[in-house]
């Protein structure tokens, strides 16, 4: 089995994220509307566009990304997230709210955070180790506000700091 912690440089990057988020409770309950659903129920309701709009919050974006990464691996998870989120936004009549760069960037950050966790870590364990993920403003570590705003329709690379990456974080679930 491949050591999931070979991303020491990624841990260092994540630890370097400004700690003003340290006050955030390491639970996604305050930023999630889906906490009462199992992962399978949540994904099913989301993909079938049956998840009520008031149950779709930042923590739910993260959770869906985590579910997809765990089920499909990072590369397929990213494409599935894009398709599913576009369909969901369209079903709510807010297709114009979809943001390509934010969707892909958050998914990549969740994938890397998950990859440096033990293989059996739950989503809540990922949040305990990386509570900064719960702060919607954290993309400002990687993107200026102008650059992020320009990435609504097409993927835009960060301008302040590269997003963490590595082939090892893009493994399929069976390779964990």
C-alpha atoms as a PDB file:
ATOM      1  CA  UNK A   1       0.000   0.000   0.000  1.00  0.00           C
ATOM      2  CA  UNK A   2       1.240   3.458  -0.866  1.00  0.00           C
ATOM      3  CA  UNK A   3       1.951   5.752   2.066  1.00  0.00           C
ATOM      4  CA  UNK A   4      -0.749   8.415   2.023  1.00  0.00           C
ATOM      5  CA  UNK A   5       1.504  10.720   4.012  1.00  0.00           C
ATOM      6  CA  UNK A   6       4.225  11.014   1.383  1.00  0.00           C
ATOM      7  CA  UNK A   7       2.843  14.503   0.798  1.00  0.00           C
ATOM      8  CA  UNK A   8       4.815  16.073   3.635  1.00  0.00           C
ATOM      9  CA  UNK A   9       5.274  19.164   1.497  1.00  0.00           C
ATOM     10  CA  UNK A  10       1.498  19.341   1.152  1.00  0.00           C
ATOM     11  CA  UNK A  11       1.034  19.052   4.898  1.00  0.00           C
ATOM     12  CA  UNK A  12       3.474  21.924   5.293  1.00  0.00           C
ATOM     13  CA  UNK A  13       1.494  23.976   2.779  1.00  0.00           C
ATOM     14  CA  UNK A  14      -1.769  23.233   4.530  1.00  0.00           C
ATOM     15  CA  UNK A  15      -0.217  24.085   7.890  1.00  0.00           C
ATOM     16  CA  UNK A  16       0.983  27.370   6.375  1.00  0.00           C
ATOM     17  CA  UNK A  17      -2.567  28.410   5.566  1.00  0.00           C
ATOM     18  CA  UNK A  18      -3.328  31.387   7.824  1.00  0.00           C
ATOM     19  CA  UNK A  19      -4.721  30.123  11.114  1.00  0.00           C
ATOM     20  CA  UNK A  20      -7.361  32.795  11.592  1.00  0.00           C
ATOM     21  CA  UNK A  21      -9.686  29.890  10.853  1.00  0.00           C
ATOM     22  CA  UNK A  22      -8.584  28.067  13.987  1.00  0.00           C
ATOM     23  CA  UNK A  23     -11.759  29.211  15.754  1.00  0.00           C
ATOM     24  CA  UNK A  24     -13.928  27.279  13.306  1.00  0.00           C
ATOM     25  CA  UNK A  25     -15.584  24.326  14.969  1.00  0.00           C
ATOM     26  CA  UNK A  26     -14.150  21.197  13.292  1.00  0.00           C
ATOM     27  CA  UNK A  27     -17.584  20.010  12.268  1.00  0.00           C
ATOM     28  CA  UNK A  28     -19.462  20.842   9.143  1.00  0.00           C
ATOM     29  CA  UNK A  29     -22.818  21.115  10.897  1.00  0.00           C
ATOM     30  CA  UNK A  30     -22.860  24.914  10.804  1.00  0.00           C
ATOM     31  CA  UNK A  31     -22.123  25.041   7.079  1.00  0.00           C
ATOM     32  CA  UNK A  32     -24.102  22.024   5.933  1.00  0.00           C
ATOM     33  CA  UNK A  33     -27.731  21.365   5.246  1.00  0.00           C
ATOM     34  CA  UNK A  34     -27.250  17.663   4.526  1.00  0.00           C
ATOM     35  CA  UNK A  35     -25.853  16.478   7.845  1.00  0.00           C
ATOM     36  CA  UNK A  36     -28.838  14.213   8.527  1.00  0.00           C
ATOM     37  CA  UNK A  37     -28.343  12.276   5.276  1.00  0.00           C
ATOM     38  CA  UNK A  38     -25.984   9.367   4.754  1.00  0.00           C
ATOM     39  CA  UNK A  39     -23.326   9.907   2.096  1.00  0.00           C
ATOM     40  CA  UNK A  40     -25.264   7.732  -0.351  1.00  0.00           C
ATOM     41  CA  UNK A  41     -28.568   9.514   0.297  1.00  0.00           C
ATOM     42  CA  UNK A  42     -26.883  12.883  -0.009  1.00  0.00           C
ATOM     43  CA  UNK A  43     -25.187  12.073  -3.335  1.00  0.00           C
ATOM     44  CA  UNK A  44     -28.374  10.508  -4.700  1.00  0.00           C
ATOM     45  CA  UNK A  45     -30.538  13.509  -3.764  1.00  0.00           C
ATOM     46  CA  UNK A  46     -27.987  15.919  -5.161  1.00  0.00           C
ATOM     47  CA  UNK A  47     -27.459  14.090  -8.458  1.00  0.00           C
ATOM     48  CA  UNK A  48     -31.201  13.733  -9.006  1.00  0.00           C
ATOM     49  CA  UNK A  49     -31.622  17.458  -8.201  1.00  0.00           C
ATOM     50  CA  UNK A  50     -33.947  16.621  -5.287  1.00  0.00           C
ATOM     51  CA  UNK A  51     -31.779  18.188  -2.572  1.00  0.00           C
ATOM     52  CA  UNK A  52     -33.607  21.326  -1.389  1.00  0.00           C
ATOM     53  CA  UNK A  53     -31.787  24.567  -2.132  1.00  0.00           C
ATOM     54  CA  UNK A  54     -31.690  25.494   1.560  1.00  0.00           C
ATOM     55  CA  UNK A  55     -29.775  22.275   2.248  1.00  0.00           C
ATOM     56  CA  UNK A  56     -26.959  23.161  -0.179  1.00  0.00           C
ATOM     57  CA  UNK A  57     -24.198  25.085   1.594  1.00  0.00           C
ATOM     58  CA  UNK A  58     -20.407  25.358   1.454  1.00  0.00           C
ATOM     59  CA  UNK A  59     -19.879  22.286   3.633  1.00  0.00           C
ATOM     60  CA  UNK A  60     -22.097  20.318   1.264  1.00  0.00           C
ATOM     61  CA  UNK A  61     -19.910  21.319  -1.691  1.00  0.00           C
ATOM     62  CA  UNK A  62     -16.919  19.976   0.238  1.00  0.00           C
ATOM     63  CA  UNK A  63     -18.749  16.826   1.279  1.00  0.00           C
ATOM     64  CA  UNK A  64     -19.878  16.054  -2.268  1.00  0.00           C
ATOM     65  CA  UNK A  65     -16.328  16.547  -3.517  1.00  0.00           C
ATOM     66  CA  UNK A  66     -15.030  14.222  -0.805  1.00  0.00           C
ATOM     67  CA  UNK A  67     -17.655  11.577  -1.647  1.00  0.00           C
ATOM     68  CA  UNK A  68     -16.718  11.752  -5.323  1.00  0.00           C
ATOM     69  CA  UNK A  69     -12.963  11.607  -4.640  1.00  0.00           C
ATOM     70  CA  UNK A  70     -13.461   8.575  -2.428  1.00  0.00           C
ATOM     71  CA  UNK A  71     -15.661   6.789  -4.975  1.00  0.00           C
ATOM     72  CA  UNK A  72     -14.004   7.732  -8.256  1.00  0.00           C
ATOM     73  CA  UNK A  73     -10.530   9.178  -7.677  1.00  0.00           C
ATOM     74  CA  UNK A  74      -9.608  12.827  -8.174  1.00  0.00           C
ATOM     75  CA  UNK A  75      -9.684  13.157 -11.960  1.00  0.00           C
ATOM     76  CA  UNK A  76     -13.102  11.559 -12.442  1.00  0.00           C
ATOM     77  CA  UNK A  77     -14.402  13.262  -9.290  1.00  0.00           C
ATOM     78  CA  UNK A  78     -13.564  16.664 -10.716  1.00  0.00           C
ATOM     79  CA  UNK A  79     -15.426  16.071 -13.968  1.00  0.00           C
ATOM     80  CA  UNK A  80     -18.382  14.529 -12.152  1.00  0.00           C
ATOM     81  CA  UNK A  81     -18.505  17.469  -9.741  1.00  0.00           C
ATOM     82  CA  UNK A  82     -18.573  19.943 -12.627  1.00  0.00           C
ATOM     83  CA  UNK A  83     -21.384  18.096 -14.435  1.00  0.00           C
ATOM     84  CA  UNK A  84     -23.446  17.508 -11.306  1.00  0.00           C
ATOM     85  CA  UNK A  85     -23.107  21.025  -9.958  1.00  0.00           C
ATOM     86  CA  UNK A  86     -24.017  22.589 -13.300  1.00  0.00           C
ATOM     87  CA  UNK A  87     -27.111  20.375 -13.534  1.00  0.00           C
ATOM     88  CA  UNK A  88     -28.117  21.134  -9.945  1.00  0.00           C
ATOM     89  CA  UNK A  89     -27.684  24.908 -10.404  1.00  0.00           C
ATOM     90  CA  UNK A  90     -29.718  24.766 -13.624  1.00  0.00           C
ATOM     91  CA  UNK A  91     -32.487  22.808 -11.863  1.00  0.00           C
ATOM     92  CA  UNK A  92     -32.741  25.621  -9.319  1.00  0.00           C
ATOM     93  CA  UNK A  93     -32.839  28.266 -12.027  1.00  0.00           C
ATOM     94  CA  UNK A  94     -29.460  29.684 -10.999  1.00  0.00           C
ATOM     95  CA  UNK A  95     -27.162  28.296 -13.700  1.00  0.00           C
ATOM     96  CA  UNK A  96     -25.386  31.674 -13.787  1.00  0.00           C
ATOM     97  CA  UNK A  97     -24.168  31.119 -10.210  1.00  0.00           C
ATOM     98  CA  UNK A  98     -21.978  28.170 -11.221  1.00  0.00           C
ATOM     99  CA  UNK A  99     -18.264  29.085 -10.961  1.00  0.00           C
ATOM    100  CA  UNK A 100     -15.832  26.850 -12.844  1.00  0.00           C
ATOM    101  CA  UNK A 101     -12.646  27.869 -11.059  1.00  0.00           C
ATOM    102  CA  UNK A 102     -14.112  27.741  -7.562  1.00  0.00           C
ATOM    103  CA  UNK A 103     -15.640  24.321  -8.217  1.00  0.00           C
ATOM    104  CA  UNK A 104     -12.417  22.799  -9.501  1.00  0.00           C
ATOM    105  CA  UNK A 105     -10.148  24.524  -6.962  1.00  0.00           C
ATOM    106  CA  UNK A 106     -12.203  23.412  -3.949  1.00  0.00           C
ATOM    107  CA  UNK A 107     -12.434  19.872  -5.286  1.00  0.00           C
ATOM    108  CA  UNK A 108      -8.644  19.767  -5.703  1.00  0.00           C
ATOM    109  CA  UNK A 109      -8.083  21.076  -2.179  1.00  0.00           C
ATOM    110  CA  UNK A 110     -10.479  18.511  -0.721  1.00  0.00           C
ATOM    111  CA  UNK A 111      -8.746  15.742  -2.715  1.00  0.00           C
ATOM    112  CA  UNK A 112      -5.315  16.709  -1.422  1.00  0.00           C
ATOM    113  CA  UNK A 113      -6.549  17.110   2.161  1.00  0.00           C
ATOM    114  CA  UNK A 114      -8.141  13.661   1.956  1.00  0.00           C
ATOM    115  CA  UNK A 115      -5.042  12.141   0.346  1.00  0.00           C
ATOM    116  CA  UNK A 116      -2.809  13.066   3.271  1.00  0.00           C
ATOM    117  CA  UNK A 117      -5.250  11.511   5.753  1.00  0.00           C
ATOM    118  CA  UNK A 118      -5.326   7.841   6.744  1.00  0.00           C
ATOM    119  CA  UNK A 119      -7.258   5.753   4.208  1.00  0.00           C
ATOM    120  CA  UNK A 120     -10.196   5.163   6.535  1.00  0.00           C
ATOM    121  CA  UNK A 121     -10.636   8.817   7.559  1.00  0.00           C
ATOM    122  CA  UNK A 122     -14.178  10.127   7.521  1.00  0.00           C
ATOM    123  CA  UNK A 123     -15.155  13.465   6.024  1.00  0.00           C
ATOM    124  CA  UNK A 124     -15.481  14.880   9.529  1.00  0.00           C
ATOM    125  CA  UNK A 125     -11.934  13.698  10.294  1.00  0.00           C
ATOM    126  CA  UNK A 126     -10.699  15.586   7.233  1.00  0.00           C
ATOM    127  CA  UNK A 127     -12.420  18.710   8.566  1.00  0.00           C
ATOM    128  CA  UNK A 128     -10.919  18.238  12.023  1.00  0.00           C
ATOM    129  CA  UNK A 129      -7.435  18.173  10.475  1.00  0.00           C
ATOM    130  CA  UNK A 130      -8.205  20.933   7.948  1.00  0.00           C
ATOM    131  CA  UNK A 131     -10.841  23.254   9.477  1.00  0.00           C
ATOM    132  CA  UNK A 132      -9.752  26.030   7.113  1.00  0.00           C
ATOM    133  CA  UNK A 133     -11.636  24.190   4.359  1.00  0.00           C
ATOM    134  CA  UNK A 134     -14.819  25.435   6.023  1.00  0.00           C
ATOM    135  CA  UNK A 135     -13.872  29.053   5.385  1.00  0.00           C
ATOM    136  CA  UNK A 136     -15.250  30.012   1.961  1.00  0.00           C
ATOM    137  CA  UNK A 137     -12.674  32.810   1.734  1.00  0.00           C
ATOM    138  CA  UNK A 138      -9.676  30.445   1.852  1.00  0.00           C
ATOM    139  CA  UNK A 139      -9.224  30.459  -1.911  1.00  0.00           C
ATOM    140  CA  UNK A 140      -7.686  33.898  -1.291  1.00  0.00           C
ATOM    141  CA  UNK A 141      -4.506  32.064  -0.287  1.00  0.00           C
ATOM    142  CA  UNK A 142      -4.190  30.999  -3.932  1.00  0.00           C
ATOM    143  CA  UNK A 143      -6.165  33.610  -5.912  1.00  0.00           C
ATOM    144  CA  UNK A 144      -6.435  37.364  -5.934  1.00  0.00           C
ATOM    145  CA  UNK A 145     -10.073  38.460  -5.971  1.00  0.00           C
ATOM    146  CA  UNK A 146      -9.669  39.797  -9.515  1.00  0.00           C
ATOM    147  CA  UNK A 147      -8.228  36.522 -10.801  1.00  0.00           C
ATOM    148  CA  UNK A 148     -10.908  34.431  -9.106  1.00  0.00           C
ATOM    149  CA  UNK A 149     -13.661  36.666 -10.491  1.00  0.00           C
ATOM    150  CA  UNK A 150     -12.295  36.120 -13.997  1.00  0.00           C
ATOM    151  CA  UNK A 151     -12.676  32.343 -13.653  1.00  0.00           C
ATOM    152  CA  UNK A 152     -16.440  31.980 -13.492  1.00  0.00           C
ATOM    153  CA  UNK A 153     -16.860  30.437 -16.960  1.00  0.00           C
ATOM    154  CA  UNK A 154     -13.454  28.828 -17.584  1.00  0.00           C
ATOM    155  CA  UNK A 155     -10.794  27.295 -15.336  1.00  0.00           C
ATOM    156  CA  UNK A 156      -8.225  29.877 -14.280  1.00  0.00           C
ATOM    157  CA  UNK A 157      -4.887  29.018 -12.687  1.00  0.00           C
ATOM    158  CA  UNK A 158      -4.095  30.685  -9.343  1.00  0.00           C
ATOM    159  CA  UNK A 159      -1.975  33.823  -9.376  1.00  0.00           C
ATOM    160  CA  UNK A 160      -0.800  34.007  -5.748  1.00  0.00           C
ATOM    161  CA  UNK A 161       0.289  30.453  -4.984  1.00  0.00           C
ATOM    162  CA  UNK A 162      -0.114  27.212  -6.939  1.00  0.00           C
ATOM    163  CA  UNK A 163      -2.732  24.791  -5.719  1.00  0.00           C
ATOM    164  CA  UNK A 164      -1.132  21.740  -4.118  1.00  0.00           C
ATOM    165  CA  UNK A 165      -0.946  18.757  -6.401  1.00  0.00           C
ATOM    166  CA  UNK A 166       0.777  15.446  -6.917  1.00  0.00           C
ATOM    167  CA  UNK A 167       0.146  12.272  -8.829  1.00  0.00           C
ATOM    168  CA  UNK A 168      -0.225  10.358  -5.573  1.00  0.00           C
ATOM    169  CA  UNK A 169      -3.357  12.338  -4.665  1.00  0.00           C
ATOM    170  CA  UNK A 170      -5.038  11.438  -7.913  1.00  0.00           C
ATOM    171  CA  UNK A 171      -5.144   7.686  -7.334  1.00  0.00           C
ATOM    172  CA  UNK A 172      -8.262   5.689  -7.926  1.00  0.00           C
ATOM    173  CA  UNK A 173      -9.969   4.503  -4.729  1.00  0.00           C
ATOM    174  CA  UNK A 174      -8.743   0.931  -5.190  1.00  0.00           C
ATOM    175  CA  UNK A 175      -5.137   2.207  -5.138  1.00  0.00           C
ATOM    176  CA  UNK A 176      -5.403   3.679  -1.638  1.00  0.00           C
END
